[in-house]
C-alpha atoms as a PDB file:
ATOM      1  CA  MET A   1     -42.943 -24.210 -80.232  1.00  0.00           C
ATOM      2  CA  PHE A   2     -45.207 -24.280 -83.245  1.00  0.00           C
ATOM      3  CA  GLY A   3     -49.021 -24.420 -83.528  1.00  0.00           C
ATOM      4  CA  VAL A   4     -50.084 -27.807 -84.769  1.00  0.00           C
ATOM      5  CA  CYS A   5     -51.692 -26.415 -87.944  1.00  0.00           C
ATOM      6  CA  GLY A   6     -48.501 -25.120 -89.544  1.00  0.00           C
ATOM      7  CA  PHE A   7     -46.013 -27.661 -88.042  1.00  0.00           C
ATOM      8  CA  ARG A   8     -46.184 -30.135 -90.982  1.00  0.00           C
ATOM      9  CA  PHE A   9     -45.255 -27.410 -93.479  1.00  0.00           C
ATOM     10  CA  ILE A  10     -42.537 -25.903 -91.326  1.00  0.00           C
ATOM     11  CA  PHE A  11     -40.874 -29.321 -90.691  1.00  0.00           C
ATOM     12  CA  ALA A  12     -40.973 -30.219 -94.356  1.00  0.00           C
ATOM     13  CA  CYS A  13     -39.317 -26.917 -95.405  1.00  0.00           C
ATOM     14  CA  MET A  14     -36.607 -26.952 -92.717  1.00  0.00           C
ATOM     15  CA  PRO A  15     -33.052 -27.560 -93.975  1.00  0.00           C
ATOM     16  CA  ARG A  16     -31.707 -30.789 -92.514  1.00  0.00           C
ATOM     17  CA  LEU A  17     -28.570 -29.340 -90.901  1.00  0.00           C
ATOM     18  CA  SER A  18     -27.800 -32.275 -88.608  1.00  0.00           C
ATOM     19  CA  VAL A  19     -27.911 -36.052 -88.645  1.00  0.00           C
ATOM     20  CA  PHE A  20     -30.762 -36.262 -86.200  1.00  0.00           C
ATOM     21  CA  SER A  21     -33.722 -34.194 -85.126  1.00  0.00           C
ATOM     22  CA  ILE A  22     -35.962 -34.450 -82.096  1.00  0.00           C
ATOM     23  CA  ILE A  23     -39.730 -34.073 -82.747  1.00  0.00           C
ATOM     24  CA  VAL A  24     -41.913 -33.216 -79.756  1.00  0.00           C
ATOM     25  CA  VAL A  25     -45.706 -33.337 -79.669  1.00  0.00           C
ATOM     26  CA  ASP A  26     -47.609 -32.297 -76.568  1.00  0.00           C
ATOM     27  CA  PHE A  27     -51.163 -33.463 -75.815  1.00  0.00           C
ATOM     28  CA  VAL A  28     -53.934 -32.561 -73.439  1.00  0.00           C
ATOM     29  CA  VAL A  29     -56.017 -35.394 -72.046  1.00  0.00           C
ATOM     30  CA  ARG A  30     -59.404 -35.127 -70.258  1.00  0.00           C
ATOM     31  CA  PRO A  31     -60.978 -38.203 -68.677  1.00  0.00           C
ATOM     32  CA  LEU A  32     -64.792 -38.242 -69.009  1.00  0.00           C
ATOM     33  CA  GLN A  33     -65.097 -40.232 -65.821  1.00  0.00           C
ATOM     34  CA  ASP A  34     -62.872 -41.087 -62.853  1.00  0.00           C
ATOM     35  CA  ILE A  35     -60.295 -43.618 -64.064  1.00  0.00           C
ATOM     36  CA  PRO A  36     -58.036 -45.775 -61.835  1.00  0.00           C
ATOM     37  CA  VAL A  37     -54.677 -46.267 -63.530  1.00  0.00           C
ATOM     38  CA  SER A  38     -51.440 -48.001 -62.556  1.00  0.00           C
ATOM     39  CA  SER A  39     -48.910 -46.192 -60.346  1.00  0.00           C
ATOM     40  CA  SER A  40     -46.755 -45.675 -63.466  1.00  0.00           C
ATOM     41  CA  THR A  41     -49.057 -43.700 -65.735  1.00  0.00           C
ATOM     42  CA  TYR A  42     -47.042 -44.509 -68.862  1.00  0.00           C
ATOM     43  CA  ARG A  43     -49.272 -47.538 -69.359  1.00  0.00           C
ATOM     44  CA  PHE A  44     -52.203 -45.235 -69.665  1.00  0.00           C
ATOM     45  CA  THR A  45     -50.604 -42.895 -72.188  1.00  0.00           C
ATOM     46  CA  LYS A  46     -49.237 -45.735 -74.292  1.00  0.00           C
ATOM     47  CA  GLN A  47     -52.572 -47.491 -74.424  1.00  0.00           C
ATOM     48  CA  LEU A  48     -54.336 -44.276 -75.231  1.00  0.00           C
ATOM     49  CA  LEU A  49     -52.013 -43.692 -78.190  1.00  0.00           C
ATOM     50  CA  ALA A  50     -52.299 -47.213 -79.459  1.00  0.00           C
ATOM     51  CA  ASN A  51     -56.105 -47.165 -79.284  1.00  0.00           C
ATOM     52  CA  ALA A  52     -56.290 -43.828 -81.064  1.00  0.00           C
ATOM     53  CA  LEU A  53     -54.200 -44.960 -84.018  1.00  0.00           C
ATOM     54  CA  PRO A  54     -55.198 -47.266 -86.912  1.00  0.00           C
ATOM     55  CA  GLU A  55     -53.928 -50.807 -87.205  1.00  0.00           C
ATOM     56  CA  ASP A  56     -51.449 -49.949 -89.958  1.00  0.00           C
ATOM     57  CA  SER A  57     -50.015 -46.931 -88.133  1.00  0.00           C
ATOM     58  CA  VAL A  58     -46.320 -46.350 -88.165  1.00  0.00           C
ATOM     59  CA  VAL A  59     -46.487 -45.002 -84.568  1.00  0.00           C
ATOM     60  CA  ARG A  60     -48.417 -48.078 -83.472  1.00  0.00           C
ATOM     61  CA  ALA A  61     -45.782 -50.280 -85.114  1.00  0.00           C
ATOM     62  CA  LEU A  62     -43.068 -48.362 -83.264  1.00  0.00           C
ATOM     63  CA  LEU A  63     -44.811 -48.833 -79.917  1.00  0.00           C
ATOM     64  CA  ILE A  64     -44.745 -52.604 -80.540  1.00  0.00           C
ATOM     65  CA  ARG A  65     -41.717 -53.331 -82.632  1.00  0.00           C
ATOM     66  CA  GLN A  66     -39.171 -50.980 -81.127  1.00  0.00           C
ATOM     67  CA  SER A  67     -38.870 -53.285 -78.135  1.00  0.00           C
ATOM     68  CA  ARG A  68     -36.230 -55.235 -80.080  1.00  0.00           C
ATOM     69  CA  VAL A  69     -33.673 -52.415 -79.622  1.00  0.00           C
ATOM     70  CA  SER A  70     -32.284 -51.081 -76.395  1.00  0.00           C
ATOM     71  CA  GLU A  71     -32.472 -47.389 -77.341  1.00  0.00           C
ATOM     72  CA  LYS A  72     -35.981 -46.645 -78.619  1.00  0.00           C
ATOM     73  CA  PRO A  73     -36.592 -43.656 -80.858  1.00  0.00           C
ATOM     74  CA  LEU A  74     -40.225 -43.117 -79.772  1.00  0.00           C
ATOM     75  CA  LYS A  75     -40.714 -42.073 -76.151  1.00  0.00           C
ATOM     76  CA  VAL A  76     -44.028 -41.502 -74.406  1.00  0.00           C
ATOM     77  CA  SER A  77     -44.146 -39.661 -71.062  1.00  0.00           C
ATOM     78  CA  PHE A  78     -46.089 -40.145 -67.879  1.00  0.00           C
ATOM     79  CA  LEU A  79     -49.157 -38.037 -67.449  1.00  0.00           C
ATOM     80  CA  LEU A  80     -48.597 -34.439 -66.317  1.00  0.00           C
ATOM     81  CA  SER A  81     -50.746 -32.379 -63.950  1.00  0.00           C
ATOM     82  CA  GLY A  82     -49.889 -28.831 -62.956  1.00  0.00           C
ATOM     83  CA  GLY A  83     -46.411 -29.179 -64.430  1.00  0.00           C
ATOM     84  CA  SER A  84     -45.560 -32.305 -62.416  1.00  0.00           C
ATOM     85  CA  TYR A  85     -45.577 -35.916 -63.525  1.00  0.00           C
ATOM     86  CA  VAL A  86     -48.285 -38.132 -62.155  1.00  0.00           C
ATOM     87  CA  TRP A  87     -47.042 -41.357 -60.570  1.00  0.00           C
ATOM     88  CA  SER A  88     -47.084 -43.131 -57.240  1.00  0.00           C
ATOM     89  CA  PRO A  89     -44.003 -44.657 -55.499  1.00  0.00           C
ATOM     90  CA  ASP A  90     -46.109 -47.531 -54.138  1.00  0.00           C
ATOM     91  CA  SER A  91     -47.701 -50.396 -56.101  1.00  0.00           C
ATOM     92  CA  GLY A  92     -51.224 -49.007 -55.750  1.00  0.00           C
ATOM     93  CA  HIS A  93     -53.251 -47.025 -58.228  1.00  0.00           C
ATOM     94  CA  VAL A  94     -53.644 -43.429 -59.191  1.00  0.00           C
ATOM     95  CA  VAL A  95     -57.172 -42.118 -59.884  1.00  0.00           C
ATOM     96  CA  LEU A  96     -57.534 -39.642 -62.726  1.00  0.00           C
ATOM     97  CA  GLY A  97     -60.342 -37.147 -62.006  1.00  0.00           C
ATOM     98  CA  ASN A  98     -63.389 -36.724 -64.221  1.00  0.00           C
ATOM     99  CA  GLY A  99     -63.074 -33.557 -66.319  1.00  0.00           C
ATOM    100  CA  VAL A 100     -59.557 -32.769 -65.106  1.00  0.00           C
ATOM    101  CA  ASN A 101     -57.018 -31.741 -67.779  1.00  0.00           C
ATOM    102  CA  TYR A 102     -53.793 -33.746 -67.943  1.00  0.00           C
ATOM    103  CA  GLY A 103     -50.918 -33.590 -70.333  1.00  0.00           C
ATOM    104  CA  PHE A 104     -48.411 -35.947 -71.860  1.00  0.00           C
ATOM    105  CA  ARG A 105     -45.674 -35.757 -74.431  1.00  0.00           C
ATOM    106  CA  ALA A 106     -44.564 -37.999 -77.318  1.00  0.00           C
ATOM    107  CA  VAL A 107     -41.032 -37.609 -78.586  1.00  0.00           C
ATOM    108  CA  PHE A 108     -39.582 -39.104 -81.731  1.00  0.00           C
ATOM    109  CA  VAL A 109     -35.917 -39.128 -82.783  1.00  0.00           C
ATOM    110  CA  ASP A 110     -35.546 -38.812 -86.521  1.00  0.00           C
ATOM    111  CA  SER A 111     -32.164 -40.359 -87.467  1.00  0.00           C
ATOM    112  CA  GLU A 112     -30.877 -41.937 -90.589  1.00  0.00           C
ATOM    113  CA  LEU A 113     -29.560 -44.787 -88.403  1.00  0.00           C
ATOM    114  CA  ASN A 114     -33.061 -45.765 -87.218  1.00  0.00           C
ATOM    115  CA  ASN A 115     -34.016 -47.948 -90.162  1.00  0.00           C
ATOM    116  CA  GLY A 116     -30.979 -50.202 -89.759  1.00  0.00           C
ATOM    117  CA  ARG A 117     -31.448 -50.619 -86.045  1.00  0.00           C
ATOM    118  CA  LEU A 118     -35.236 -51.185 -86.150  1.00  0.00           C
ATOM    119  CA  GLY A 119     -35.322 -53.416 -89.264  1.00  0.00           C
ATOM    120  CA  PHE A 120     -38.105 -51.394 -90.899  1.00  0.00           C
ATOM    121  CA  ARG A 121     -38.400 -48.009 -92.489  1.00  0.00           C
ATOM    122  CA  VAL A 122     -39.799 -45.079 -90.470  1.00  0.00           C
ATOM    123  CA  GLU A 123     -40.582 -41.740 -92.183  1.00  0.00           C
ATOM    124  CA  ALA A 124     -40.599 -38.792 -89.831  1.00  0.00           C
ATOM    125  CA  GLY A 125     -43.388 -37.163 -91.834  1.00  0.00           C
ATOM    126  CA  SER A 126     -45.655 -40.121 -91.258  1.00  0.00           C
ATOM    127  CA  VAL A 127     -44.893 -40.035 -87.536  1.00  0.00           C
ATOM    128  CA  ILE A 128     -45.696 -36.295 -87.335  1.00  0.00           C
ATOM    129  CA  ASP A 129     -48.963 -36.660 -89.336  1.00  0.00           C
ATOM    130  CA  GLU A 130     -50.135 -39.481 -87.115  1.00  0.00           C
ATOM    131  CA  LEU A 131     -49.349 -37.871 -83.843  1.00  0.00           C
ATOM    132  CA  LEU A 132     -50.944 -34.501 -84.882  1.00  0.00           C
ATOM    133  CA  GLY A 133     -54.027 -36.522 -86.020  1.00  0.00           C
ATOM    134  CA  VAL A 134     -54.621 -37.970 -82.544  1.00  0.00           C
ATOM    135  CA  ARG A 135     -57.716 -36.128 -81.508  1.00  0.00           C
ATOM    136  CA  GLY A 136     -61.192 -37.187 -80.355  1.00  0.00           C
ATOM    137  CA  VAL A 137     -62.801 -39.446 -77.716  1.00  0.00           C
ATOM    138  CA  PHE A 138     -61.259 -42.963 -77.236  1.00  0.00           C
ATOM    139  CA  THR A 139     -61.723 -45.879 -74.922  1.00  0.00           C
ATOM    140  CA  VAL A 140     -58.888 -47.078 -72.559  1.00  0.00           C
ATOM    141  CA  TYR A 141     -58.901 -50.177 -70.415  1.00  0.00           C
ATOM    142  CA  GLY A 142     -61.940 -51.412 -72.333  1.00  0.00           C
ATOM    143  CA  ALA A 143     -64.490 -49.220 -70.584  1.00  0.00           C
ATOM    144  CA  PHE A 144     -63.234 -45.622 -69.837  1.00  0.00           C
ATOM    145  CA  LYS A 145     -63.728 -42.736 -72.173  1.00  0.00           C
ATOM    146  CA  VAL A 146     -60.961 -40.142 -72.608  1.00  0.00           C
ATOM    147  CA  SER A 147     -60.801 -37.053 -74.829  1.00  0.00           C
ATOM    148  CA  VAL A 148     -57.332 -36.157 -76.279  1.00  0.00           C
ATOM    149  CA  GLU A 149     -55.968 -33.581 -78.721  1.00  0.00           C
ATOM    150  CA  PRO A 150     -52.454 -32.264 -79.664  1.00  0.00           C
ATOM    151  CA  VAL A 151     -51.789 -28.762 -78.320  1.00  0.00           C
ATOM    152  CA  GLY A 152     -48.258 -28.018 -79.615  1.00  0.00           C
ATOM    153  CA  ALA A 153     -45.340 -29.361 -81.493  1.00  0.00           C
ATOM    154  CA  SER A 154     -41.640 -28.488 -81.890  1.00  0.00           C
ATOM    155  CA  VAL A 155     -38.525 -29.787 -83.618  1.00  0.00           C
ATOM    156  CA  ILE A 156     -34.953 -29.489 -82.338  1.00  0.00           C
ATOM    157  CA  ASN A 157     -31.978 -30.207 -84.515  1.00  0.00           C
ATOM    158  CA  SER A 158     -29.070 -31.896 -82.774  1.00  0.00           C
ATOM    159  CA  GLY A 159     -26.785 -29.081 -83.799  1.00  0.00           C
ATOM    160  CA  GLU A 160     -28.811 -26.659 -81.742  1.00  0.00           C
ATOM    161  CA  LEU A 161     -28.540 -28.636 -78.511  1.00  0.00           C
ATOM    162  CA  GLY A 162     -26.582 -27.109 -75.639  1.00  0.00           C
ATOM    163  CA  VAL A 163     -26.566 -23.538 -76.961  1.00  0.00           C
ATOM    164  CA  GLY A 164     -28.620 -22.239 -74.046  1.00  0.00           C
ATOM    165  CA  LEU A 165     -26.404 -23.955 -71.442  1.00  0.00           C
ATOM    166  CA  VAL A 166     -22.907 -22.825 -72.692  1.00  0.00           C
ATOM    167  CA  GLY A 167     -21.545 -20.023 -70.576  1.00  0.00           C
ATOM    168  CA  SER A 168     -23.608 -20.811 -67.465  1.00  0.00           C
ATOM    169  CA  ASP A 169     -21.955 -20.748 -64.058  1.00  0.00           C
ATOM    170  CA  TYR A 170     -23.858 -23.831 -62.876  1.00  0.00           C
ATOM    171  CA  VAL A 171     -26.275 -26.330 -64.363  1.00  0.00           C
ATOM    172  CA  LYS A 172     -29.175 -27.793 -62.475  1.00  0.00           C
ATOM    173  CA  VAL A 173     -30.429 -31.248 -63.402  1.00  0.00           C
ATOM    174  CA  SER A 174     -33.838 -32.072 -61.955  1.00  0.00           C
ATOM    175  CA  PHE A 175     -34.818 -35.801 -62.098  1.00  0.00           C
ATOM    176  CA  GLN A 176     -38.581 -35.569 -62.356  1.00  0.00           C
ATOM    177  CA  THR A 177     -39.509 -39.243 -62.692  1.00  0.00           C
ATOM    178  CA  PRO A 178     -37.704 -42.251 -61.272  1.00  0.00           C
ATOM    179  CA  THR A 179     -34.273 -42.539 -62.910  1.00  0.00           C
ATOM    180  CA  LEU A 180     -32.516 -45.837 -63.505  1.00  0.00           C
ATOM    181  CA  LEU A 181     -28.800 -45.206 -64.060  1.00  0.00           C
ATOM    182  CA  GLN A 182     -27.101 -48.480 -64.797  1.00  0.00           C
ATOM    183  CA  TYR A 183     -23.630 -49.510 -63.760  1.00  0.00           C
ATOM    184  CA  PRO A 184     -21.632 -50.930 -66.711  1.00  0.00           C
ATOM    185  CA  MET A 185     -21.643 -54.674 -66.982  1.00  0.00           C
ATOM    186  CA  HIS A 186     -18.284 -56.193 -66.042  1.00  0.00           C
ATOM    187  CA  PRO A 187     -17.435 -59.148 -68.353  1.00  0.00           C
ATOM    188  CA  ARG A 188     -15.452 -61.022 -65.728  1.00  0.00           C
ATOM    189  CA  LEU A 189     -18.234 -61.043 -63.177  1.00  0.00           C
ATOM    190  CA  GLY A 190     -20.853 -62.591 -65.436  1.00  0.00           C
ATOM    191  CA  VAL A 191     -23.590 -60.483 -63.767  1.00  0.00           C
ATOM    192  CA  ARG A 192     -26.599 -60.408 -66.113  1.00  0.00           C
ATOM    193  CA  GLU A 193     -29.154 -58.405 -64.150  1.00  0.00           C
ATOM    194  CA  SER A 194     -29.090 -54.618 -64.223  1.00  0.00           C
ATOM    195  CA  VAL A 195     -27.547 -52.912 -61.214  1.00  0.00           C
ATOM    196  CA  HIS A 196     -28.763 -49.332 -60.722  1.00  0.00           C
ATOM    197  CA  ALA A 197     -27.152 -46.437 -58.857  1.00  0.00           C
ATOM    198  CA  LEU A 198     -29.137 -44.422 -56.269  1.00  0.00           C
ATOM    199  CA  TYR A 199     -27.257 -41.263 -57.025  1.00  0.00           C
ATOM    200  CA  PRO A 200     -26.529 -39.520 -60.405  1.00  0.00           C
ATOM    201  CA  HIS A 201     -22.765 -39.898 -60.495  1.00  0.00           C
ATOM    202  CA  PRO A 202     -21.395 -37.662 -63.295  1.00  0.00           C
ATOM    203  CA  VAL A 203     -19.604 -40.725 -64.806  1.00  0.00           C
ATOM    204  CA  LEU A 204     -22.840 -42.679 -65.072  1.00  0.00           C
ATOM    205  CA  LEU A 205     -24.847 -39.704 -66.182  1.00  0.00           C
ATOM    206  CA  MET A 206     -22.409 -39.025 -69.058  1.00  0.00           C
ATOM    207  CA  LEU A 207     -22.088 -42.722 -70.014  1.00  0.00           C
ATOM    208  CA  SER A 208     -25.840 -42.929 -70.459  1.00  0.00           C
ATOM    209  CA  LEU A 209     -26.071 -39.775 -72.513  1.00  0.00           C
ATOM    210  CA  ILE A 210     -23.007 -40.557 -74.696  1.00  0.00           C
ATOM    211  CA  ARG A 211     -24.484 -43.937 -75.619  1.00  0.00           C
ATOM    212  CA  ARG A 212     -27.798 -42.269 -76.464  1.00  0.00           C
ATOM    213  CA  TRP A 213     -26.123 -39.584 -78.569  1.00  0.00           C
ATOM    214  CA  ASN A 214     -23.902 -41.948 -80.461  1.00  0.00           C
ATOM    215  CA  THR A 215     -26.922 -44.220 -81.245  1.00  0.00           C
ATOM    216  CA  TYR A 216     -28.451 -41.446 -83.366  1.00  0.00           C
ATOM    217  CA  GLU A 217     -25.423 -39.438 -84.593  1.00  0.00           C
ATOM    218  CA  ARG A 218     -23.481 -40.974 -87.418  1.00  0.00           C
ATOM    219  CA  PHE A 219     -20.526 -38.464 -87.739  1.00  0.00           C
ATOM    220  CA  ASP A 220     -20.265 -36.248 -84.674  1.00  0.00           C
ATOM    221  CA  LYS A 221     -19.596 -38.981 -82.138  1.00  0.00           C
ATOM    222  CA  VAL A 222     -18.724 -38.225 -78.506  1.00  0.00           C
ATOM    223  CA  GLY A 223     -15.936 -40.195 -76.974  1.00  0.00           C
ATOM    224  CA  LEU A 224     -16.246 -42.169 -73.833  1.00  0.00           C
ATOM    225  CA  SER A 225     -13.331 -40.176 -72.416  1.00  0.00           C
ATOM    226  CA  HIS A 226     -15.925 -37.489 -71.526  1.00  0.00           C
ATOM    227  CA  ALA A 227     -17.311 -39.830 -68.871  1.00  0.00           C
ATOM    228  CA  ILE A 228     -13.861 -40.268 -67.348  1.00  0.00           C
ATOM    229  CA  TYR A 229     -13.303 -36.518 -67.144  1.00  0.00           C
ATOM    230  CA  ALA A 230     -16.859 -35.737 -65.969  1.00  0.00           C
ATOM    231  CA  PRO A 231     -16.239 -35.865 -62.161  1.00  0.00           C
ATOM    232  CA  TYR A 232     -13.441 -33.341 -62.529  1.00  0.00           C
ATOM    233  CA  GLU A 233     -15.120 -31.091 -65.124  1.00  0.00           C
ATOM    234  CA  LEU A 234     -18.741 -31.311 -64.008  1.00  0.00           C
ATOM    235  CA  ARG A 235     -18.154 -30.743 -60.312  1.00  0.00           C
ATOM    236  CA  GLU A 236     -20.980 -31.508 -57.943  1.00  0.00           C
ATOM    237  CA  VAL A 237     -21.727 -28.516 -55.714  1.00  0.00           C
ATOM    238  CA  ASN A 238     -25.213 -29.404 -54.271  1.00  0.00           C
ATOM    239  CA  HIS A 239     -27.921 -32.021 -54.511  1.00  0.00           C
ATOM    240  CA  SER A 240     -31.132 -33.334 -53.056  1.00  0.00           C
ATOM    241  CA  ILE A 241     -31.507 -36.928 -54.201  1.00  0.00           C
ATOM    242  CA  ARG A 242     -33.607 -39.618 -52.685  1.00  0.00           C
ATOM    243  CA  PRO A 243     -34.196 -43.311 -53.663  1.00  0.00           C
ATOM    244  CA  VAL A 244     -37.601 -44.443 -54.838  1.00  0.00           C
ATOM    245  CA  THR A 245     -39.169 -47.699 -55.891  1.00  0.00           C
ATOM    246  CA  ILE A 246     -41.006 -48.010 -59.257  1.00  0.00           C
ATOM    247  CA  SER A 247     -42.766 -50.872 -61.067  1.00  0.00           C
ATOM    248  CA  VAL A 248     -41.396 -51.629 -64.483  1.00  0.00           C
ATOM    249  CA  GLY A 249     -43.638 -54.235 -65.964  1.00  0.00           C
ATOM    250  CA  LYS A 250     -43.929 -56.947 -63.325  1.00  0.00           C
ATOM    251  CA  THR A 251     -40.616 -55.952 -61.658  1.00  0.00           C
ATOM    252  CA  ARG A 252     -40.175 -53.614 -58.733  1.00  0.00           C
ATOM    253  CA  THR A 253     -36.883 -51.802 -59.011  1.00  0.00           C
ATOM    254  CA  ARG A 254     -35.061 -48.952 -57.201  1.00  0.00           C
ATOM    255  CA  GLY A 255     -34.084 -45.682 -58.750  1.00  0.00           C
ATOM    256  CA  PHE A 256     -33.886 -42.055 -57.621  1.00  0.00           C
ATOM    257  CA  ILE A 257     -35.501 -38.641 -58.038  1.00  0.00           C
ATOM    258  CA  GLY A 258     -34.418 -35.126 -56.965  1.00  0.00           C
ATOM    259  CA  TRP A 259     -31.891 -32.622 -58.270  1.00  0.00           C
ATOM    260  CA  LEU A 260     -28.145 -32.114 -58.788  1.00  0.00           C
ATOM    261  CA  ILE A 261     -26.200 -28.930 -59.429  1.00  0.00           C
ATOM    262  CA  VAL A 262     -22.930 -29.118 -61.194  1.00  0.00           C
ATOM    263  CA  LYS A 263     -20.293 -26.514 -62.041  1.00  0.00           C
ATOM    264  CA  PRO A 264     -18.726 -26.853 -65.551  1.00  0.00           C
ATOM    265  CA  VAL A 265     -15.023 -26.169 -65.255  1.00  0.00           C
ATOM    266  CA  SER A 266     -13.507 -27.839 -68.273  1.00  0.00           C
ATOM    267  CA  ARG A 267     -10.571 -26.003 -69.950  1.00  0.00           C
ATOM    268  CA  SER A 268     -11.417 -27.819 -73.161  1.00  0.00           C
ATOM    269  CA  GLU A 269     -14.011 -25.847 -75.151  1.00  0.00           C
ATOM    270  CA  VAL A 270     -14.809 -28.979 -77.210  1.00  0.00           C
ATOM    271  CA  ARG A 271     -15.571 -31.094 -74.119  1.00  0.00           C
ATOM    272  CA  LEU A 272     -17.509 -28.273 -72.515  1.00  0.00           C
ATOM    273  CA  ARG A 273     -19.772 -27.910 -75.609  1.00  0.00           C
ATOM    274  CA  ASN A 274     -20.195 -31.738 -75.699  1.00  0.00           C
ATOM    275  CA  TYR A 275     -21.152 -31.834 -71.963  1.00  0.00           C
ATOM    276  CA  MET A 276     -23.777 -29.062 -72.592  1.00  0.00           C
ATOM    277  CA  LYS A 277     -25.288 -30.666 -75.671  1.00  0.00           C
ATOM    278  CA  LEU A 278     -25.606 -34.036 -73.992  1.00  0.00           C
ATOM    279  CA  LEU A 279     -27.290 -32.467 -70.937  1.00  0.00           C
ATOM    280  CA  ASP A 280     -29.639 -30.466 -73.147  1.00  0.00           C
ATOM    281  CA  MET A 281     -30.520 -33.634 -75.104  1.00  0.00           C
ATOM    282  CA  ALA A 282     -31.642 -35.122 -71.845  1.00  0.00           C
ATOM    283  CA  ASN A 283     -34.363 -32.426 -71.626  1.00  0.00           C
ATOM    284  CA  TYR A 284     -36.083 -34.268 -74.485  1.00  0.00           C
ATOM    285  CA  LEU A 285     -34.830 -37.856 -74.410  1.00  0.00           C
ATOM    286  CA  GLY A 286     -34.269 -38.419 -70.669  1.00  0.00           C
ATOM    287  CA  VAL A 287     -31.440 -40.297 -69.047  1.00  0.00           C
ATOM    288  CA  GLY A 288     -30.879 -43.857 -67.995  1.00  0.00           C
ATOM    289  CA  ARG A 289     -32.976 -46.909 -68.733  1.00  0.00           C
ATOM    290  CA  SER A 290     -36.618 -47.154 -69.830  1.00  0.00           C
ATOM    291  CA  THR A 291     -37.009 -43.585 -71.051  1.00  0.00           C
ATOM    292  CA  SER A 292     -39.344 -44.778 -73.740  1.00  0.00           C
ATOM    293  CA  ILE A 293     -41.959 -45.411 -71.007  1.00  0.00           C
ATOM    294  CA  GLY A 294     -41.432 -42.108 -69.191  1.00  0.00           C
ATOM    295  CA  LEU A 295     -38.689 -43.014 -66.673  1.00  0.00           C
ATOM    296  CA  GLY A 296     -35.632 -40.755 -66.353  1.00  0.00           C
ATOM    297  CA  ALA A 297     -37.461 -37.550 -67.357  1.00  0.00           C
ATOM    298  CA  VAL A 298     -35.239 -34.617 -66.523  1.00  0.00           C
ATOM    299  CA  ARG A 299     -35.251 -30.807 -66.658  1.00  0.00           C
ATOM    300  CA  VAL A 300     -31.851 -29.219 -67.261  1.00  0.00           C
ATOM    301  CA  VAL A 301     -31.549 -25.445 -66.762  1.00  0.00           C
ATOM    302  CA  PRO A 302     -28.584 -23.003 -66.559  1.00  0.00           C
ATOM    303  CA  ILE A 303     -27.792 -20.949 -63.496  1.00  0.00           C
ATOM    304  CA  ARG A 304     -26.085 -17.680 -64.204  1.00  0.00           C
ATOM    305  CA  LEU A 305     -24.925 -15.699 -61.134  1.00  0.00           C
ATOM    306  CA  GLY A 306     -25.114 -12.417 -62.978  1.00  0.00           C
ATOM    307  CA  ASN A 307     -28.858 -12.864 -63.326  1.00  0.00           C
ATOM    308  CA  ALA A 308     -29.495 -13.962 -59.739  1.00  0.00           C
END
């Protein structure tokens, strides 16, 4: 984690050792009056960012124009309070307290494949400068004043992912916001609507993460065979999962939250490293659908019995 003052210089001087990098900027938000917001607080954070940025902003363009691609490189989280995400499982409202500090996170994936997918050029330096420049008092929902400022920034190269998980006895995956893991579409059935699982099956978990990784990585692709091997090599040993309902736009849909503990038992060191880097990537980019609006936020941590 870097202080915001020196982050631009550090990022500019870093050797680009991998095809993609993950840039994380954390913000603190303080409402200057009580504010009722939707049960999914991503709408508040996205509007706050959009209102704080100029019309010709690259980040603002991303918020609008990245909707044309399924995997979006800019992701904005729900609000955070006391380390937990702020949201409500019903269709009502959440009231943000006057003078209370909340947080949220913006994550941008800097990949050389972005420009071709998006159809316009995005420079990581411009994204960083704009995000770190978001500070001051702004209006949301036309009438409510909010103060916001960046409080930290970090950059993670894809080659570094998974290092802290390799060698662990178990891995715990906590699904902190509603997660929408989609079953693959079957061409013979002609089913067009998304069908979501209510449990994080290792096959579906790996399928989602493999597709996300391969979207940004040009050379070091991960094969779909990892998803086939996952139930045998990421063995489920415990879980606490429950289904929840969340509003996505005007649609109410079912997903799940909770946690899952798996035991890595692969005899293949290559597959084991790949599992770990994919799970570590989820710490920043989430898992499943609609991660650009804060769904599928996860925390992945190692469990080492020797340290228990």
